[in-house]
């Protein structure tokens, strides 16, 4: 009986971890992504370097990086290593990297 409980507990923890990871995914509506891309194209920024930060979804940008506003959109953007990065301004986490 103890083996079944341990297996069940491990399975539950695995599923809980998967659920937590899925909850962190941010989905930008296609309309918002289009607005962001058009705005970024019209308002180009100089690329900055951010040592020690990988440009991955979920990575956090330091407070020293200036995030630029996109009108009527929740997210901000910055160009890092010549790649446009969409950032949640509340957490400063990268939610999308545009190519």
N, C-alpha and C. Protein backbone atom coordinates (compact mmCIF):
# COMPACT_ATOMS: atom_id res chain seq x y z
N UNK A 1 0.82 -1.19 0.00
CA UNK A 1 0.00 0.00 0.00
C UNK A 1 0.86 1.26 0.00
N UNK A 2 1.96 1.22 0.75
CA UNK A 2 2.83 2.38 0.83
C UNK A 2 3.44 2.71 -0.53
N UNK A 3 3.74 1.70 -1.33
CA UNK A 3 4.31 1.92 -2.65
C UNK A 3 3.32 2.65 -3.53
N UNK A 4 2.04 2.30 -3.44
CA UNK A 4 1.02 2.96 -4.25
C UNK A 4 0.87 4.42 -3.86
N UNK A 5 0.93 4.71 -2.58
CA UNK A 5 0.81 6.09 -2.14
C UNK A 5 2.00 6.92 -2.60
N UNK A 6 3.20 6.34 -2.52
CA UNK A 6 4.39 7.06 -2.96
C UNK A 6 4.33 7.33 -4.45
N UNK A 7 3.91 6.35 -5.24
CA UNK A 7 3.79 6.53 -6.68
C UNK A 7 2.72 7.57 -7.01
N UNK A 8 1.63 7.50 -6.28
CA UNK A 8 0.55 8.47 -6.52
C UNK A 8 1.02 9.87 -6.16
N UNK A 9 1.75 10.00 -5.06
CA UNK A 9 2.24 11.31 -4.65
C UNK A 9 3.24 11.85 -5.68
N UNK A 10 4.11 10.99 -6.19
CA UNK A 10 5.08 11.42 -7.20
C UNK A 10 4.37 11.85 -8.48
N UNK A 11 3.36 11.09 -8.87
CA UNK A 11 2.59 11.45 -10.06
C UNK A 11 1.88 12.77 -9.90
N UNK A 12 1.31 13.00 -8.72
CA UNK A 12 0.63 14.26 -8.46
C UNK A 12 1.60 15.43 -8.52
N UNK A 13 2.78 15.27 -7.92
CA UNK A 13 3.77 16.35 -7.94
C UNK A 13 4.25 16.63 -9.36
N UNK A 14 4.39 15.59 -10.17
CA UNK A 14 4.79 15.77 -11.56
C UNK A 14 3.73 16.56 -12.31
N UNK A 15 2.47 16.17 -12.15
CA UNK A 15 1.38 16.88 -12.82
C UNK A 15 1.26 18.32 -12.32
N UNK A 16 1.46 18.54 -11.04
CA UNK A 16 1.38 19.89 -10.49
C UNK A 16 2.48 20.76 -11.08
N UNK A 17 3.67 20.19 -11.24
CA UNK A 17 4.77 20.93 -11.84
C UNK A 17 4.49 21.28 -13.29
N UNK A 18 3.91 20.36 -14.04
CA UNK A 18 3.56 20.63 -15.43
C UNK A 18 2.50 21.72 -15.48
N UNK A 19 1.53 21.67 -14.60
CA UNK A 19 0.48 22.70 -14.57
C UNK A 19 1.04 24.06 -14.25
N UNK A 20 1.98 24.12 -13.32
CA UNK A 20 2.59 25.40 -12.96
C UNK A 20 3.39 25.96 -14.13
N UNK A 21 4.09 25.10 -14.84
CA UNK A 21 4.87 25.57 -15.99
C UNK A 21 3.94 26.09 -17.08
N UNK A 22 2.84 25.40 -17.32
CA UNK A 22 1.89 25.83 -18.34
C UNK A 22 1.25 27.16 -17.96
N UNK A 23 1.03 27.38 -16.67
CA UNK A 23 0.41 28.62 -16.22
C UNK A 23 1.32 29.81 -16.46
N UNK A 24 2.63 29.57 -16.57
CA UNK A 24 3.57 30.66 -16.78
C UNK A 24 3.65 31.08 -18.25
N UNK A 25 3.15 30.23 -19.16
CA UNK A 25 3.19 30.57 -20.58
C UNK A 25 2.30 31.78 -20.83
N UNK A 26 2.82 32.71 -21.59
CA UNK A 26 2.06 33.91 -21.94
C UNK A 26 1.74 33.82 -23.42
N UNK A 27 0.48 33.97 -23.73
CA UNK A 27 0.07 33.95 -25.12
C UNK A 27 -0.32 35.36 -25.53
N UNK A 28 0.40 35.87 -26.51
CA UNK A 28 0.09 37.20 -27.03
C UNK A 28 -0.87 36.98 -28.20
N UNK A 29 -2.02 37.64 -28.14
CA UNK A 29 -3.00 37.52 -29.21
C UNK A 29 -2.38 37.94 -30.53
N UNK A 30 -2.72 37.25 -31.62
CA UNK A 30 -2.14 37.60 -32.92
C UNK A 30 -2.31 39.08 -33.29
N UNK A 31 -3.45 39.66 -32.91
CA UNK A 31 -3.67 41.08 -33.21
C UNK A 31 -2.66 41.95 -32.47
N UNK A 32 -2.42 41.61 -31.19
CA UNK A 32 -1.46 42.39 -30.41
C UNK A 32 -0.05 42.21 -30.96
N UNK A 33 0.27 40.99 -31.37
CA UNK A 33 1.61 40.75 -31.92
C UNK A 33 1.81 41.56 -33.20
N UNK A 34 0.76 41.66 -34.02
CA UNK A 34 0.84 42.45 -35.25
C UNK A 34 1.06 43.92 -34.91
N UNK A 35 0.31 44.43 -33.93
CA UNK A 35 0.46 45.83 -33.50
C UNK A 35 1.89 46.07 -33.01
N UNK A 36 2.40 45.15 -32.22
CA UNK A 36 3.76 45.30 -31.68
C UNK A 36 4.78 45.30 -32.81
N UNK A 37 4.67 44.35 -33.73
CA UNK A 37 5.64 44.27 -34.84
C UNK A 37 5.61 45.52 -35.69
N UNK A 38 4.41 46.04 -35.99
CA UNK A 38 4.30 47.25 -36.81
C UNK A 38 4.90 48.45 -36.07
N UNK A 39 4.62 48.55 -34.78
CA UNK A 39 5.14 49.67 -33.99
C UNK A 39 6.67 49.61 -33.92
N UNK A 40 7.19 48.44 -33.65
CA UNK A 40 8.64 48.25 -33.55
C UNK A 40 9.31 48.60 -34.88
N UNK A 41 8.68 48.23 -35.97
CA UNK A 41 9.23 48.53 -37.30
C UNK A 41 9.28 50.04 -37.53
N UNK A 42 8.26 50.77 -37.06
CA UNK A 42 8.18 52.22 -37.24
C UNK A 42 9.02 52.99 -36.23
N UNK A 43 9.30 52.38 -35.08
CA UNK A 43 10.05 53.03 -34.00
C UNK A 43 11.30 52.21 -33.67
N UNK A 44 12.24 52.12 -34.59
CA UNK A 44 13.42 51.28 -34.32
C UNK A 44 14.26 51.80 -33.15
N UNK A 45 14.81 50.86 -32.43
CA UNK A 45 15.68 51.18 -31.29
C UNK A 45 17.09 50.67 -31.57
N UNK A 46 18.05 51.30 -30.94
CA UNK A 46 19.41 50.80 -30.98
C UNK A 46 19.48 49.53 -30.14
N UNK A 47 20.23 48.58 -30.61
CA UNK A 47 20.39 47.32 -29.89
C UNK A 47 21.28 47.52 -28.67
N UNK A 48 20.93 46.85 -27.58
CA UNK A 48 21.73 46.91 -26.37
C UNK A 48 22.29 45.53 -26.05
N UNK A 49 23.31 45.51 -25.24
CA UNK A 49 23.89 44.25 -24.76
C UNK A 49 23.46 44.05 -23.33
N UNK A 50 23.09 42.82 -22.99
CA UNK A 50 22.72 42.50 -21.60
C UNK A 50 23.54 41.26 -21.21
N UNK A 51 24.75 41.49 -20.70
CA UNK A 51 25.61 40.36 -20.33
C UNK A 51 24.95 39.45 -19.29
N UNK A 52 25.11 38.16 -19.49
CA UNK A 52 24.63 37.19 -18.51
C UNK A 52 23.15 36.85 -18.63
N UNK A 53 22.44 37.41 -19.60
CA UNK A 53 21.02 37.10 -19.77
C UNK A 53 20.83 36.43 -21.13
N UNK A 54 20.25 35.23 -21.10
CA UNK A 54 19.94 34.54 -22.34
C UNK A 54 18.58 35.01 -22.83
N UNK A 55 18.44 35.15 -24.11
CA UNK A 55 17.18 35.62 -24.69
C UNK A 55 16.21 34.45 -24.86
N UNK A 56 15.72 34.00 -23.74
CA UNK A 56 14.76 32.90 -23.70
C UNK A 56 13.47 33.38 -23.04
N UNK A 57 12.36 32.79 -23.44
CA UNK A 57 11.10 33.10 -22.79
C UNK A 57 11.23 32.73 -21.32
N UNK A 58 10.85 33.65 -20.45
CA UNK A 58 10.93 33.44 -19.01
C UNK A 58 12.16 34.05 -18.36
N UNK A 59 13.17 34.40 -19.17
CA UNK A 59 14.35 35.07 -18.61
C UNK A 59 13.96 36.47 -18.15
N UNK A 60 14.60 36.93 -17.10
CA UNK A 60 14.29 38.24 -16.54
C UNK A 60 15.36 39.25 -16.94
N UNK A 61 14.91 40.40 -17.42
CA UNK A 61 15.85 41.48 -17.76
C UNK A 61 16.08 42.35 -16.53
N UNK A 62 17.30 42.80 -16.33
CA UNK A 62 17.60 43.65 -15.15
C UNK A 62 16.94 45.02 -15.28
N UNK A 63 16.82 45.70 -14.14
CA UNK A 63 16.21 47.03 -14.10
C UNK A 63 16.99 48.07 -14.90
N UNK A 64 18.23 47.78 -15.22
CA UNK A 64 19.05 48.72 -15.97
C UNK A 64 18.65 48.79 -17.45
N UNK A 65 17.85 47.85 -17.91
CA UNK A 65 17.41 47.84 -19.31
C UNK A 65 16.13 48.66 -19.42
N UNK A 66 16.17 49.68 -20.29
CA UNK A 66 15.00 50.53 -20.50
C UNK A 66 14.02 49.82 -21.43
N UNK A 67 12.80 49.64 -20.95
CA UNK A 67 11.75 49.02 -21.75
C UNK A 67 10.93 50.12 -22.42
N UNK A 68 10.63 49.93 -23.68
CA UNK A 68 9.88 50.93 -24.44
C UNK A 68 8.41 50.53 -24.53
N UNK A 69 7.55 51.52 -24.39
CA UNK A 69 6.11 51.29 -24.40
C UNK A 69 5.59 51.16 -25.83
N UNK A 70 4.59 50.31 -26.00
CA UNK A 70 3.83 50.21 -27.23
C UNK A 70 2.43 50.71 -26.88
N UNK A 71 1.94 51.76 -27.55
CA UNK A 71 0.62 52.30 -27.20
C UNK A 71 -0.49 51.24 -27.26
N UNK A 72 -1.33 51.25 -26.24
CA UNK A 72 -2.49 50.36 -26.15
C UNK A 72 -2.15 48.88 -26.05
N UNK A 73 -0.94 48.56 -25.63
CA UNK A 73 -0.52 47.17 -25.45
C UNK A 73 0.09 47.04 -24.07
N UNK A 74 -0.22 45.94 -23.41
CA UNK A 74 0.27 45.70 -22.06
C UNK A 74 1.80 45.55 -22.00
N UNK A 75 2.37 44.97 -23.03
CA UNK A 75 3.79 44.61 -23.01
C UNK A 75 4.68 45.75 -23.47
N UNK A 76 5.96 45.63 -23.14
CA UNK A 76 6.98 46.59 -23.55
C UNK A 76 7.97 45.85 -24.45
N UNK A 77 8.87 46.60 -25.08
CA UNK A 77 9.87 45.94 -25.91
C UNK A 77 11.23 46.62 -25.77
N UNK A 78 12.23 45.87 -26.17
CA UNK A 78 13.61 46.35 -26.20
C UNK A 78 14.33 45.51 -27.25
N UNK A 79 15.37 46.06 -27.83
CA UNK A 79 16.17 45.31 -28.80
C UNK A 79 17.47 44.91 -28.11
N UNK A 80 17.67 43.61 -28.01
CA UNK A 80 18.86 43.06 -27.36
C UNK A 80 19.58 42.18 -28.38
N UNK A 81 20.85 42.45 -28.58
CA UNK A 81 21.64 41.68 -29.55
C UNK A 81 20.94 41.60 -30.91
N UNK A 82 20.38 42.73 -31.34
CA UNK A 82 19.69 42.86 -32.63
C UNK A 82 18.44 41.99 -32.75
N UNK A 83 17.87 41.61 -31.63
CA UNK A 83 16.62 40.85 -31.63
C UNK A 83 15.60 41.61 -30.77
N UNK A 84 14.40 41.75 -31.29
CA UNK A 84 13.35 42.45 -30.56
C UNK A 84 12.77 41.51 -29.52
N UNK A 85 12.73 41.97 -28.29
CA UNK A 85 12.28 41.17 -27.16
C UNK A 85 11.04 41.82 -26.55
N UNK A 86 9.97 41.05 -26.41
CA UNK A 86 8.73 41.52 -25.79
C UNK A 86 8.77 41.12 -24.33
N UNK A 87 8.49 42.09 -23.45
CA UNK A 87 8.69 41.89 -22.01
C UNK A 87 7.43 42.27 -21.25
N UNK A 88 7.12 41.49 -20.21
CA UNK A 88 6.05 41.85 -19.28
C UNK A 88 6.64 42.90 -18.34
N UNK A 89 6.11 44.13 -18.35
CA UNK A 89 6.73 45.18 -17.54
C UNK A 89 6.62 44.96 -16.03
N UNK A 90 5.63 44.21 -15.59
CA UNK A 90 5.48 43.95 -14.16
C UNK A 90 6.53 43.02 -13.60
N UNK A 91 6.88 42.00 -14.38
CA UNK A 91 7.86 41.01 -13.93
C UNK A 91 9.21 41.17 -14.60
N UNK A 92 9.24 41.93 -15.70
CA UNK A 92 10.43 42.11 -16.54
C UNK A 92 10.88 40.81 -17.17
N UNK A 93 9.97 39.85 -17.27
CA UNK A 93 10.28 38.56 -17.90
C UNK A 93 10.00 38.65 -19.39
N UNK A 94 10.85 37.99 -20.16
CA UNK A 94 10.68 37.92 -21.60
C UNK A 94 9.50 37.01 -21.90
N UNK A 95 8.55 37.51 -22.70
CA UNK A 95 7.39 36.69 -23.08
C UNK A 95 7.45 36.25 -24.53
N UNK A 96 8.28 36.94 -25.32
CA UNK A 96 8.43 36.55 -26.73
C UNK A 96 9.68 37.21 -27.30
N UNK A 97 10.35 36.47 -28.17
CA UNK A 97 11.50 37.00 -28.89
C UNK A 97 11.11 36.99 -30.37
N UNK A 98 11.08 38.18 -30.98
CA UNK A 98 10.70 38.29 -32.38
C UNK A 98 11.94 38.15 -33.25
N UNK A 99 11.78 37.45 -34.34
CA UNK A 99 12.92 37.29 -35.27
C UNK A 99 12.80 38.23 -36.44
